[in-house]
PDB file of N, CA and C in Angstrom:
ATOM      1  N   MET A   1     126.951 -37.963 -53.182  1.00  0.00           N
ATOM      2  CA  MET A   1     126.966 -36.993 -54.246  1.00  0.00           C
ATOM      3  C   MET A   1     125.550 -36.877 -54.779  1.00  0.00           C
ATOM      4  N   ARG A   2     125.197 -35.707 -55.205  1.00  0.00           N
ATOM      5  CA  ARG A   2     123.863 -35.460 -55.766  1.00  0.00           C
ATOM      6  C   ARG A   2     123.846 -35.774 -57.266  1.00  0.00           C
ATOM      7  N   PHE A   3     122.670 -36.165 -57.745  1.00  0.00           N
ATOM      8  CA  PHE A   3     122.522 -36.578 -59.136  1.00  0.00           C
ATOM      9  C   PHE A   3     123.030 -35.540 -60.145  1.00  0.00           C
ATOM     10  N   PRO A   4     122.786 -34.222 -59.963  1.00  0.00           N
ATOM     11  CA  PRO A   4     123.282 -33.265 -60.965  1.00  0.00           C
ATOM     12  C   PRO A   4     124.809 -33.243 -61.104  1.00  0.00           C
ATOM     13  N   GLN A   5     125.536 -33.753 -60.106  1.00  0.00           N
ATOM     14  CA  GLN A   5     126.997 -33.779 -60.181  1.00  0.00           C
ATOM     15  C   GLN A   5     127.513 -34.921 -61.053  1.00  0.00           C
ATOM     16  N   VAL A   6     126.657 -35.867 -61.383  1.00  0.00           N
ATOM     17  CA  VAL A   6     127.033 -36.999 -62.237  1.00  0.00           C
ATOM     18  C   VAL A   6     127.034 -36.529 -63.688  1.00  0.00           C
ATOM     19  N   GLN A   7     128.054 -36.919 -64.437  1.00  0.00           N
ATOM     20  CA  GLN A   7     128.147 -36.560 -65.857  1.00  0.00           C
ATOM     21  C   GLN A   7     127.366 -37.570 -66.700  1.00  0.00           C
ATOM     22  N   VAL A   8     126.827 -37.115 -67.825  1.00  0.00           N
ATOM     23  CA  VAL A   8     126.134 -38.020 -68.745  1.00  0.00           C
ATOM     24  C   VAL A   8     127.106 -39.129 -69.152  1.00  0.00           C
ATOM     25  N   GLY A   9     126.647 -40.366 -69.082  1.00  0.00           N
ATOM     26  CA  GLY A   9     127.471 -41.528 -69.422  1.00  0.00           C
ATOM     27  C   GLY A   9     128.100 -42.199 -68.216  1.00  0.00           C
ATOM     28  N   GLN A  10     128.131 -41.533 -67.068  1.00  0.00           N
ATOM     29  CA  GLN A  10     128.708 -42.145 -65.875  1.00  0.00           C
ATOM     30  C   GLN A  10     127.713 -43.120 -65.253  1.00  0.00           C
ATOM     31  N   GLN A  11     128.273 -44.159 -64.648  1.00  0.00           N
ATOM     32  CA  GLN A  11     127.453 -45.156 -63.968  1.00  0.00           C
ATOM     33  C   GLN A  11     127.389 -44.829 -62.486  1.00  0.00           C
ATOM     34  N   PHE A  12     126.245 -45.145 -61.876  1.00  0.00           N
ATOM     35  CA  PHE A  12     126.040 -44.860 -60.461  1.00  0.00           C
ATOM     36  C   PHE A  12     124.996 -45.819 -59.900  1.00  0.00           C
ATOM     37  N   THR A  13     124.881 -45.838 -58.589  1.00  0.00           N
ATOM     38  CA  THR A  13     123.816 -46.600 -57.942  1.00  0.00           C
ATOM     39  C   THR A  13     122.867 -45.634 -57.263  1.00  0.00           C
ATOM     40  N   PHE A  14     121.586 -46.024 -57.258  1.00  0.00           N
ATOM     41  CA  PHE A  14     120.547 -45.249 -56.587  1.00  0.00           C
ATOM     42  C   PHE A  14     119.480 -46.235 -56.159  1.00  0.00           C
ATOM     43  N   GLN A  15     119.137 -46.216 -54.883  1.00  0.00           N
ATOM     44  CA  GLN A  15     118.139 -47.131 -54.323  1.00  0.00           C
ATOM     45  C   GLN A  15     118.451 -48.589 -54.685  1.00  0.00           C
ATOM     46  N   ASP A  16     119.711 -48.955 -54.502  1.00  0.00           N
ATOM     47  CA  ASP A  16     120.206 -50.322 -54.701  1.00  0.00           C
ATOM     48  C   ASP A  16     120.097 -50.835 -56.138  1.00  0.00           C
ATOM     49  N   LYS A  17     120.006 -49.937 -57.108  1.00  0.00           N
ATOM     50  CA  LYS A  17     119.999 -50.331 -58.517  1.00  0.00           C
ATOM     51  C   LYS A  17     121.093 -49.551 -59.225  1.00  0.00           C
ATOM     52  N   ARG A  18     121.609 -50.154 -60.312  1.00  0.00           N
ATOM     53  CA  ARG A  18     122.680 -49.525 -61.089  1.00  0.00           C
ATOM     54  C   ARG A  18     122.086 -48.829 -62.304  1.00  0.00           C
ATOM     55  N   TYR A  19     122.622 -47.633 -62.569  1.00  0.00           N
ATOM     56  CA  TYR A  19     122.138 -46.815 -63.678  1.00  0.00           C
ATOM     57  C   TYR A  19     123.308 -46.193 -64.426  1.00  0.00           C
ATOM     58  N   THR A  20     122.987 -45.728 -65.647  1.00  0.00           N
ATOM     59  CA  THR A  20     123.888 -44.888 -66.423  1.00  0.00           C
ATOM     60  C   THR A  20     123.135 -43.601 -66.715  1.00  0.00           C
ATOM     61  N   LYS A  21     123.748 -42.458 -66.417  1.00  0.00           N
ATOM     62  CA  LYS A  21     123.074 -41.182 -66.647  1.00  0.00           C
ATOM     63  C   LYS A  21     122.958 -40.940 -68.143  1.00  0.00           C
ATOM     64  N   THR A  22     121.741 -40.592 -68.594  1.00  0.00           N
ATOM     65  CA  THR A  22     121.489 -40.365 -70.011  1.00  0.00           C
ATOM     66  C   THR A  22     121.084 -38.931 -70.322  1.00  0.00           C
ATOM     67  N   GLY A  23     120.750 -38.154 -69.303  1.00  0.00           N
ATOM     68  CA  GLY A  23     120.331 -36.772 -69.500  1.00  0.00           C
ATOM     69  C   GLY A  23     120.325 -36.032 -68.181  1.00  0.00           C
ATOM     70  N   PRO A  24     119.927 -34.771 -68.188  1.00  0.00           N
ATOM     71  CA  PRO A  24     119.962 -33.975 -66.959  1.00  0.00           C
ATOM     72  C   PRO A  24     119.111 -34.536 -65.825  1.00  0.00           C
ATOM     73  N   LEU A  25     118.024 -35.210 -66.159  1.00  0.00           N
ATOM     74  CA  LEU A  25     117.139 -35.779 -65.140  1.00  0.00           C
ATOM     75  C   LEU A  25     116.846 -37.257 -65.359  1.00  0.00           C
ATOM     76  N   THR A  26     117.527 -37.892 -66.316  1.00  0.00           N
ATOM     77  CA  THR A  26     117.195 -39.278 -66.646  1.00  0.00           C
ATOM     78  C   THR A  26     118.409 -40.195 -66.574  1.00  0.00           C
ATOM     79  N   ALA A  27     118.080 -41.463 -66.367  1.00  0.00           N
ATOM     80  CA  ALA A  27     119.108 -42.499 -66.337  1.00  0.00           C
ATOM     81  C   ALA A  27     118.507 -43.791 -66.852  1.00  0.00           C
ATOM     82  N   SER A  28     119.382 -44.653 -67.354  1.00  0.00           N
ATOM     83  CA  SER A  28     118.975 -45.947 -67.882  1.00  0.00           C
ATOM     84  C   SER A  28     119.368 -47.021 -66.884  1.00  0.00           C
ATOM     85  N   GLU A  29     118.417 -47.854 -66.494  1.00  0.00           N
ATOM     86  CA  GLU A  29     118.688 -48.916 -65.523  1.00  0.00           C
ATOM     87  C   GLU A  29     119.502 -50.028 -66.180  1.00  0.00           C
ATOM     88  N   GLU A  30     120.533 -50.461 -65.481  1.00  0.00           N
ATOM     89  CA  GLU A  30     121.388 -51.536 -66.000  1.00  0.00           C
ATOM     90  C   GLU A  30     120.581 -52.826 -66.082  1.00  0.00           C
ATOM     91  N   GLY A  31     120.746 -53.537 -67.151  1.00  0.00           N
ATOM     92  CA  GLY A  31     120.057 -54.820 -67.324  1.00  0.00           C
ATOM     93  C   GLY A  31     118.765 -54.690 -68.097  1.00  0.00           C
ATOM     94  N   THR A  32     117.874 -53.798 -67.666  1.00  0.00           N
ATOM     95  CA  THR A  32     116.576 -53.645 -68.334  1.00  0.00           C
ATOM     96  C   THR A  32     116.586 -52.537 -69.376  1.00  0.00           C
ATOM     97  N   GLY A  33     117.456 -51.543 -69.204  1.00  0.00           N
ATOM     98  CA  GLY A  33     117.501 -50.420 -70.123  1.00  0.00           C
ATOM     99  C   GLY A  33     116.368 -49.431 -69.925  1.00  0.00           C
ATOM    100  N   ARG A  34     115.511 -49.668 -68.937  1.00  0.00           N
ATOM    101  CA  ARG A  34     114.392 -48.764 -68.684  1.00  0.00           C
ATOM    102  C   ARG A  34     114.892 -47.386 -68.289  1.00  0.00           C
ATOM    103  N   GLN A  35     114.259 -46.360 -68.849  1.00  0.00           N
ATOM    104  CA  GLN A  35     114.591 -44.980 -68.499  1.00  0.00           C
ATOM    105  C   GLN A  35     113.836 -44.600 -67.226  1.00  0.00           C
ATOM    106  N   ARG A  36     114.504 -43.837 -66.384  1.00  0.00           N
ATOM    107  CA  ARG A  36     113.884 -43.397 -65.140  1.00  0.00           C
ATOM    108  C   ARG A  36     114.296 -41.955 -64.877  1.00  0.00           C
ATOM    109  N   MET A  37     113.358 -41.183 -64.370  1.00  0.00           N
ATOM    110  CA  MET A  37     113.689 -39.830 -63.931  1.00  0.00           C
ATOM    111  C   MET A  37     114.279 -39.932 -62.535  1.00  0.00           C
ATOM    112  N   ILE A  38     115.391 -39.239 -62.339  1.00  0.00           N
ATOM    113  CA  ILE A  38     116.066 -39.232 -61.047  1.00  0.00           C
ATOM    114  C   ILE A  38     115.955 -37.810 -60.482  1.00  0.00           C
ATOM    115  N   PRO A  39     115.459 -37.662 -59.262  1.00  0.00           N
ATOM    116  CA  PRO A  39     115.329 -36.316 -58.685  1.00  0.00           C
ATOM    117  C   PRO A  39     116.689 -35.620 -58.560  1.00  0.00           C
ATOM    118  N   ARG A  40     116.700 -34.320 -58.732  1.00  0.00           N
ATOM    119  CA  ARG A  40     117.944 -33.554 -58.593  1.00  0.00           C
ATOM    120  C   ARG A  40     118.539 -33.720 -57.201  1.00  0.00           C
ATOM    121  N   SER A  41     117.687 -33.893 -56.210  1.00  0.00           N
ATOM    122  CA  SER A  41     118.148 -34.010 -54.825  1.00  0.00           C
ATOM    123  C   SER A  41     118.608 -35.420 -54.459  1.00  0.00           C
ATOM    124  N   ALA A  42     118.509 -36.362 -55.393  1.00  0.00           N
ATOM    125  CA  ALA A  42     118.852 -37.756 -55.097  1.00  0.00           C
ATOM    126  C   ALA A  42     120.334 -37.911 -54.754  1.00  0.00           C
ATOM    127  N   GLU A  43     120.601 -38.620 -53.674  1.00  0.00           N
ATOM    128  CA  GLU A  43     121.975 -38.976 -53.304  1.00  0.00           C
ATOM    129  C   GLU A  43     122.328 -40.252 -54.063  1.00  0.00           C
ATOM    130  N   VAL A  44     123.383 -40.207 -54.863  1.00  0.00           N
ATOM    131  CA  VAL A  44     123.807 -41.353 -55.658  1.00  0.00           C
ATOM    132  C   VAL A  44     125.263 -41.672 -55.349  1.00  0.00           C
ATOM    133  N   THR A  45     125.682 -42.886 -55.705  1.00  0.00           N
ATOM    134  CA  THR A  45     127.070 -43.300 -55.529  1.00  0.00           C
ATOM    135  C   THR A  45     127.655 -43.624 -56.891  1.00  0.00           C
ATOM    136  N   LEU A  46     128.711 -42.910 -57.266  1.00  0.00           N
ATOM    137  CA  LEU A  46     129.371 -43.171 -58.550  1.00  0.00           C
ATOM    138  C   LEU A  46     130.027 -44.536 -58.539  1.00  0.00           C
ATOM    139  N   LEU A  47     130.107 -45.148 -59.706  1.00  0.00           N
ATOM    140  CA  LEU A  47     130.809 -46.413 -59.877  1.00  0.00           C
ATOM    141  C   LEU A  47     132.001 -46.182 -60.790  1.00  0.00           C
ATOM    142  N   ASN A  48     133.113 -46.874 -60.508  1.00  0.00           N
ATOM    143  CA  ASN A  48     134.274 -46.746 -61.388  1.00  0.00           C
ATOM    144  C   ASN A  48     134.126 -47.700 -62.568  1.00  0.00           C
ATOM    145  N   SER A  49     135.135 -47.778 -63.410  1.00  0.00           N
ATOM    146  CA  SER A  49     135.049 -48.614 -64.615  1.00  0.00           C
ATOM    147  C   SER A  49     134.902 -50.091 -64.293  1.00  0.00           C
ATOM    148  N   ALA A  50     135.306 -50.504 -63.091  1.00  0.00           N
ATOM    149  CA  ALA A  50     135.157 -51.902 -62.678  1.00  0.00           C
ATOM    150  C   ALA A  50     133.803 -52.146 -62.020  1.00  0.00           C
ATOM    151  N   GLY A  51     132.961 -51.106 -61.947  1.00  0.00           N
ATOM    152  CA  GLY A  51     131.643 -51.259 -61.349  1.00  0.00           C
ATOM    153  C   GLY A  51     131.638 -51.175 -59.840  1.00  0.00           C
ATOM    154  N   GLU A  52     132.736 -50.678 -59.259  1.00  0.00           N
ATOM    155  CA  GLU A  52     132.823 -50.557 -57.810  1.00  0.00           C
ATOM    156  C   GLU A  52     132.560 -49.104 -57.415  1.00  0.00           C
ATOM    157  N   PRO A  53     132.014 -48.889 -56.206  1.00  0.00           N
ATOM    158  CA  PRO A  53     131.782 -47.511 -55.758  1.00  0.00           C
ATOM    159  C   PRO A  53     133.087 -46.720 -55.689  1.00  0.00           C
ATOM    160  N   THR A  54     133.039 -45.462 -56.095  1.00  0.00           N
ATOM    161  CA  THR A  54     134.206 -44.603 -56.000  1.00  0.00           C
ATOM    162  C   THR A  54     134.126 -43.795 -54.718  1.00  0.00           C
ATOM    163  N   ARG A  55     135.280 -43.373 -54.250  1.00  0.00           N
ATOM    164  CA  ARG A  55     135.324 -42.558 -53.042  1.00  0.00           C
ATOM    165  C   ARG A  55     134.973 -41.129 -53.433  1.00  0.00           C
ATOM    166  N   VAL A  56     133.995 -40.577 -52.745  1.00  0.00           N
ATOM    167  CA  VAL A  56     133.568 -39.212 -53.022  1.00  0.00           C
ATOM    168  C   VAL A  56     133.912 -38.357 -51.816  1.00  0.00           C
ATOM    169  N   ILE A  57     134.520 -37.227 -52.071  1.00  0.00           N
ATOM    170  CA  ILE A  57     134.881 -36.314 -50.995  1.00  0.00           C
ATOM    171  C   ILE A  57     133.654 -35.488 -50.634  1.00  0.00           C
ATOM    172  N   LYS A  58     133.332 -35.527 -49.376  1.00  0.00           N
ATOM    173  CA  LYS A  58     132.179 -34.794 -48.880  1.00  0.00           C
ATOM    174  C   LYS A  58     132.415 -33.290 -49.055  1.00  0.00           C
ATOM    175  N   GLN A  59     131.383 -32.567 -49.450  1.00  0.00           N
ATOM    176  CA  GLN A  59     131.510 -31.150 -49.738  1.00  0.00           C
ATOM    177  C   GLN A  59     131.126 -30.243 -48.570  1.00  0.00           C
ATOM    178  N   ARG A  60     130.313 -30.737 -47.641  1.00  0.00           N
ATOM    179  CA  ARG A  60     129.881 -29.928 -46.502  1.00  0.00           C
ATOM    180  C   ARG A  60     130.025 -30.736 -45.221  1.00  0.00           C
ATOM    181  N   TYR A  61     130.460 -30.050 -44.179  1.00  0.00           N
ATOM    182  CA  TYR A  61     130.659 -30.682 -42.879  1.00  0.00           C
ATOM    183  C   TYR A  61     129.972 -29.867 -41.800  1.00  0.00           C
ATOM    184  N   THR A  62     129.490 -30.548 -40.779  1.00  0.00           N
ATOM    185  CA  THR A  62     128.915 -29.839 -39.644  1.00  0.00           C
ATOM    186  C   THR A  62     130.050 -29.336 -38.760  1.00  0.00           C
ATOM    187  N   ARG A  63     129.729 -28.403 -37.900  1.00  0.00           N
ATOM    188  CA  ARG A  63     130.736 -27.874 -36.970  1.00  0.00           C
ATOM    189  C   ARG A  63     131.296 -29.003 -36.106  1.00  0.00           C
ATOM    190  N   ALA A  64     130.413 -29.888 -35.635  1.00  0.00           N
ATOM    191  CA  ALA A  64     130.858 -30.996 -34.790  1.00  0.00           C
ATOM    192  C   ALA A  64     131.821 -31.920 -35.539  1.00  0.00           C
ATOM    193  N   GLU A  65     131.553 -32.181 -36.814  1.00  0.00           N
ATOM    194  CA  GLU A  65     132.452 -33.023 -37.619  1.00  0.00           C
ATOM    195  C   GLU A  65     133.820 -32.369 -37.756  1.00  0.00           C
ATOM    196  N   LEU A  66     133.827 -31.069 -38.026  1.00  0.00           N
ATOM    197  CA  LEU A  66     135.100 -30.357 -38.173  1.00  0.00           C
ATOM    198  C   LEU A  66     135.873 -30.330 -36.864  1.00  0.00           C
ATOM    199  N   GLU A  67     135.183 -30.044 -35.765  1.00  0.00           N
ATOM    200  CA  GLU A  67     135.865 -30.010 -34.475  1.00  0.00           C
ATOM    201  C   GLU A  67     136.431 -31.384 -34.124  1.00  0.00           C
ATOM    202  N   GLY A  68     135.679 -32.443 -34.429  1.00  0.00           N
ATOM    203  CA  GLY A  68     136.172 -33.798 -34.189  1.00  0.00           C
ATOM    204  C   GLY A  68     137.399 -34.117 -35.028  1.00  0.00           C
ATOM    205  N   SER A  69     137.387 -33.677 -36.272  1.00  0.00           N
ATOM    206  CA  SER A  69     138.536 -33.904 -37.150  1.00  0.00           C
ATOM    207  C   SER A  69     139.772 -33.172 -36.655  1.00  0.00           C
ATOM    208  N   PHE A  70     139.585 -31.923 -36.230  1.00  0.00           N
ATOM    209  CA  PHE A  70     140.724 -31.161 -35.717  1.00  0.00           C
ATOM    210  C   PHE A  70     141.245 -31.731 -34.409  1.00  0.00           C
ATOM    211  N   ALA A  71     140.349 -32.224 -33.564  1.00  0.00           N
ATOM    212  CA  ALA A  71     140.791 -32.839 -32.310  1.00  0.00           C
ATOM    213  C   ALA A  71     141.621 -34.095 -32.601  1.00  0.00           C
ATOM    214  N   ALA A  72     141.193 -34.890 -33.575  1.00  0.00           N
ATOM    215  CA  ALA A  72     141.954 -36.077 -33.959  1.00  0.00           C
ATOM    216  C   ALA A  72     143.301 -35.690 -34.555  1.00  0.00           C
ATOM    217  N   LEU A  73     143.319 -34.637 -35.358  1.00  0.00           N
ATOM    218  CA  LEU A  73     144.570 -34.148 -35.936  1.00  0.00           C
ATOM    219  C   LEU A  73     145.520 -33.689 -34.835  1.00  0.00           C
ATOM    220  N   LYS A  74     144.982 -32.952 -33.873  1.00  0.00           N
ATOM    221  CA  LYS A  74     145.806 -32.462 -32.767  1.00  0.00           C
ATOM    222  C   LYS A  74     146.416 -33.626 -31.992  1.00  0.00           C
ATOM    223  N   LEU A  75     145.629 -34.649 -31.720  1.00  0.00           N
ATOM    224  CA  LEU A  75     146.135 -35.830 -31.010  1.00  0.00           C
ATOM    225  C   LEU A  75     147.238 -36.510 -31.816  1.00  0.00           C
ATOM    226  N   SER A  76     147.011 -36.656 -33.125  1.00  0.00           N
ATOM    227  CA  SER A  76     148.015 -37.277 -33.989  1.00  0.00           C
ATOM    228  C   SER A  76     149.309 -36.463 -34.011  1.00  0.00           C
ATOM    229  N   LEU A  77     149.174 -35.146 -34.092  1.00  0.00           N
ATOM    230  CA  LEU A  77     150.359 -34.282 -34.095  1.00  0.00           C
ATOM    231  C   LEU A  77     151.118 -34.374 -32.778  1.00  0.00           C
ATOM    232  N   ARG A  78     150.394 -34.422 -31.682  1.00  0.00           N
ATOM    233  CA  ARG A  78     151.052 -34.560 -30.373  1.00  0.00           C
ATOM    234  C   ARG A  78     151.880 -35.843 -30.323  1.00  0.00           C
ATOM    235  N   GLU A  79     151.307 -36.939 -30.827  1.00  0.00           N
ATOM    236  CA  GLU A  79     152.026 -38.218 -30.832  1.00  0.00           C
ATOM    237  C   GLU A  79     153.270 -38.146 -31.716  1.00  0.00           C
ATOM    238  N   ARG A  80     153.149 -37.517 -32.873  1.00  0.00           N
ATOM    239  CA  ARG A  80     154.300 -37.387 -33.777  1.00  0.00           C
ATOM    240  C   ARG A  80     155.375 -36.477 -33.183  1.00  0.00           C
ATOM    241  N   LEU A  81     154.940 -35.405 -32.539  1.00  0.00           N
ATOM    242  CA  LEU A  81     155.907 -34.501 -31.910  1.00  0.00           C
ATOM    243  C   LEU A  81     156.654 -35.207 -30.787  1.00  0.00           C
ATOM    244  N   ARG A  82     155.952 -36.016 -30.031  1.00  0.00           N
ATOM    245  CA  ARG A  82     156.621 -36.774 -28.969  1.00  0.00           C
ATOM    246  C   ARG A  82     157.699 -37.675 -29.565  1.00  0.00           C
ATOM    247  N   ALA A  83     157.373 -38.360 -30.655  1.00  0.00           N
ATOM    248  CA  ALA A  83     158.338 -39.251 -31.303  1.00  0.00           C
ATOM    249  C   ALA A  83     159.520 -38.462 -31.874  1.00  0.00           C
ATOM    250  N   ALA A  84     159.239 -37.297 -32.472  1.00  0.00           N
ATOM    251  CA  ALA A  84     160.303 -36.495 -33.079  1.00  0.00           C
ATOM    252  C   ALA A  84     161.202 -35.869 -32.028  1.00  0.00           C
ATOM    253  N   ALA A  85     160.646 -35.569 -30.870  1.00  0.00           N
ATOM    254  CA  ALA A  85     161.428 -34.912 -29.821  1.00  0.00           C
ATOM    255  C   ALA A  85     162.446 -35.853 -29.190  1.00  0.00           C
ATOM    256  N   VAL A  86     162.280 -37.138 -29.409  1.00  0.00           N
ATOM    257  CA  VAL A  86     163.208 -38.116 -28.834  1.00  0.00           C
ATOM    258  C   VAL A  86     164.622 -37.885 -29.350  1.00  0.00           C
ATOM    259  N   ASP A  87     164.767 -37.446 -30.606  1.00  0.00           N
ATOM    260  CA  ASP A  87     166.111 -37.238 -31.157  1.00  0.00           C
ATOM    261  C   ASP A  87     166.758 -35.945 -30.644  1.00  0.00           C
ATOM    262  N   GLY A  88     166.019 -35.119 -29.898  1.00  0.00           N
ATOM    263  CA  GLY A  88     166.584 -33.933 -29.271  1.00  0.00           C
ATOM    264  C   GLY A  88     166.651 -32.704 -30.145  1.00  0.00           C
ATOM    265  N   SER A  89     166.128 -32.753 -31.360  1.00  0.00           N
ATOM    266  CA  SER A  89     166.206 -31.588 -32.239  1.00  0.00           C
ATOM    267  C   SER A  89     165.249 -30.479 -31.803  1.00  0.00           C
ATOM    268  N   LEU A  90     164.207 -30.830 -31.100  1.00  0.00           N
ATOM    269  CA  LEU A  90     163.254 -29.840 -30.598  1.00  0.00           C
ATOM    270  C   LEU A  90     162.814 -30.308 -29.220  1.00  0.00           C
ATOM    271  N   PRO A  91     162.993 -29.474 -28.219  1.00  0.00           N
ATOM    272  CA  PRO A  91     162.555 -29.880 -26.889  1.00  0.00           C
ATOM    273  C   PRO A  91     161.057 -30.196 -26.894  1.00  0.00           C
ATOM    274  N   LEU A  92     160.694 -31.329 -26.348  1.00  0.00           N
ATOM    275  CA  LEU A  92     159.315 -31.795 -26.364  1.00  0.00           C
ATOM    276  C   LEU A  92     158.367 -30.757 -25.777  1.00  0.00           C
ATOM    277  N   GLU A  93     158.688 -30.212 -24.643  1.00  0.00           N
ATOM    278  CA  GLU A  93     157.781 -29.260 -24.006  1.00  0.00           C
ATOM    279  C   GLU A  93     157.556 -28.024 -24.873  1.00  0.00           C
ATOM    280  N   GLN A  94     158.585 -27.580 -25.581  1.00  0.00           N
ATOM    281  CA  GLN A  94     158.429 -26.429 -26.475  1.00  0.00           C
ATOM    282  C   GLN A  94     157.493 -26.776 -27.636  1.00  0.00           C
ATOM    283  N   ALA A  95     157.672 -27.949 -28.214  1.00  0.00           N
ATOM    284  CA  ALA A  95     156.828 -28.377 -29.335  1.00  0.00           C
ATOM    285  C   ALA A  95     155.374 -28.522 -28.889  1.00  0.00           C
ATOM    286  N   LEU A  96     155.151 -29.118 -27.739  1.00  0.00           N
ATOM    287  CA  LEU A  96     153.793 -29.302 -27.243  1.00  0.00           C
ATOM    288  C   LEU A  96     153.152 -27.962 -26.884  1.00  0.00           C
ATOM    289  N   ALA A  97     153.932 -27.027 -26.360  1.00  0.00           N
ATOM    290  CA  ALA A  97     153.408 -25.701 -26.037  1.00  0.00           C
ATOM    291  C   ALA A  97     152.950 -24.984 -27.304  1.00  0.00           C
ATOM    292  N   ILE A  98     153.729 -25.097 -28.354  1.00  0.00           N
ATOM    293  CA  ILE A  98     153.346 -24.483 -29.635  1.00  0.00           C
ATOM    294  C   ILE A  98     152.029 -25.076 -30.127  1.00  0.00           C
ATOM    295  N   LEU A  99     151.906 -26.383 -30.043  1.00  0.00           N
ATOM    296  CA  LEU A  99     150.691 -27.057 -30.478  1.00  0.00           C
ATOM    297  C   LEU A  99     149.497 -26.658 -29.614  1.00  0.00           C
ATOM    298  N   ASP A 100     149.697 -26.579 -28.309  1.00  0.00           N
ATOM    299  CA  ASP A 100     148.618 -26.234 -27.394  1.00  0.00           C
ATOM    300  C   ASP A 100     148.115 -24.803 -27.602  1.00  0.00           C
ATOM    301  N   GLU A 101     148.983 -23.918 -28.073  1.00  0.00           N
ATOM    302  CA  GLU A 101     148.583 -22.531 -28.312  1.00  0.00           C
ATOM    303  C   GLU A 101     147.691 -22.402 -29.539  1.00  0.00           C
ATOM    304  N   ALA A 102     147.746 -23.379 -30.432  1.00  0.00           N
ATOM    305  CA  ALA A 102     146.897 -23.345 -31.628  1.00  0.00           C
ATOM    306  C   ALA A 102     145.460 -23.621 -31.241  1.00  0.00           C
ATOM    307  N   GLU A 103     144.532 -22.931 -31.880  1.00  0.00           N
ATOM    308  CA  GLU A 103     143.113 -23.122 -31.610  1.00  0.00           C
ATOM    309  C   GLU A 103     142.536 -24.139 -32.592  1.00  0.00           C
ATOM    310  N   PHE A 104     142.027 -25.246 -32.060  1.00  0.00           N
ATOM    311  CA  PHE A 104     141.430 -26.285 -32.894  1.00  0.00           C
ATOM    312  C   PHE A 104     139.992 -26.579 -32.499  1.00  0.00           C
ATOM    313  N   GLY A 105     139.351 -25.704 -31.764  1.00  0.00           N
ATOM    314  CA  GLY A 105     137.960 -25.920 -31.402  1.00  0.00           C
ATOM    315  C   GLY A 105     137.766 -26.686 -30.126  1.00  0.00           C
ATOM    316  N   ASP A 106     138.797 -26.741 -29.244  1.00  0.00           N
ATOM    317  CA  ASP A 106     138.611 -27.430 -27.961  1.00  0.00           C
ATOM    318  C   ASP A 106     137.676 -26.640 -27.089  1.00  0.00           C
TER     319      ASP A 106
END
């Protein structure tokens, strides 16, 4: 996540140090209280209330990342369809044909 996405008062890490955001371009270093300017382009990691990194959802993906994700999804769906077809509610070949007709970037 980029520094401008952090709210004033939130804790984060940057260059292996912990900070609390104090303004649009400033943060206070944990322990020393020293103020530091943080570049707008800085990649930071938010910390939760327990001081642990929070999971941040990536906002931009490359084409290769998306195609890889869809290929993994397609494989997972094929496996689930195979398992579901065992009960006979949907013929396996019909389910797989439907899946194969979908475009996922292969």
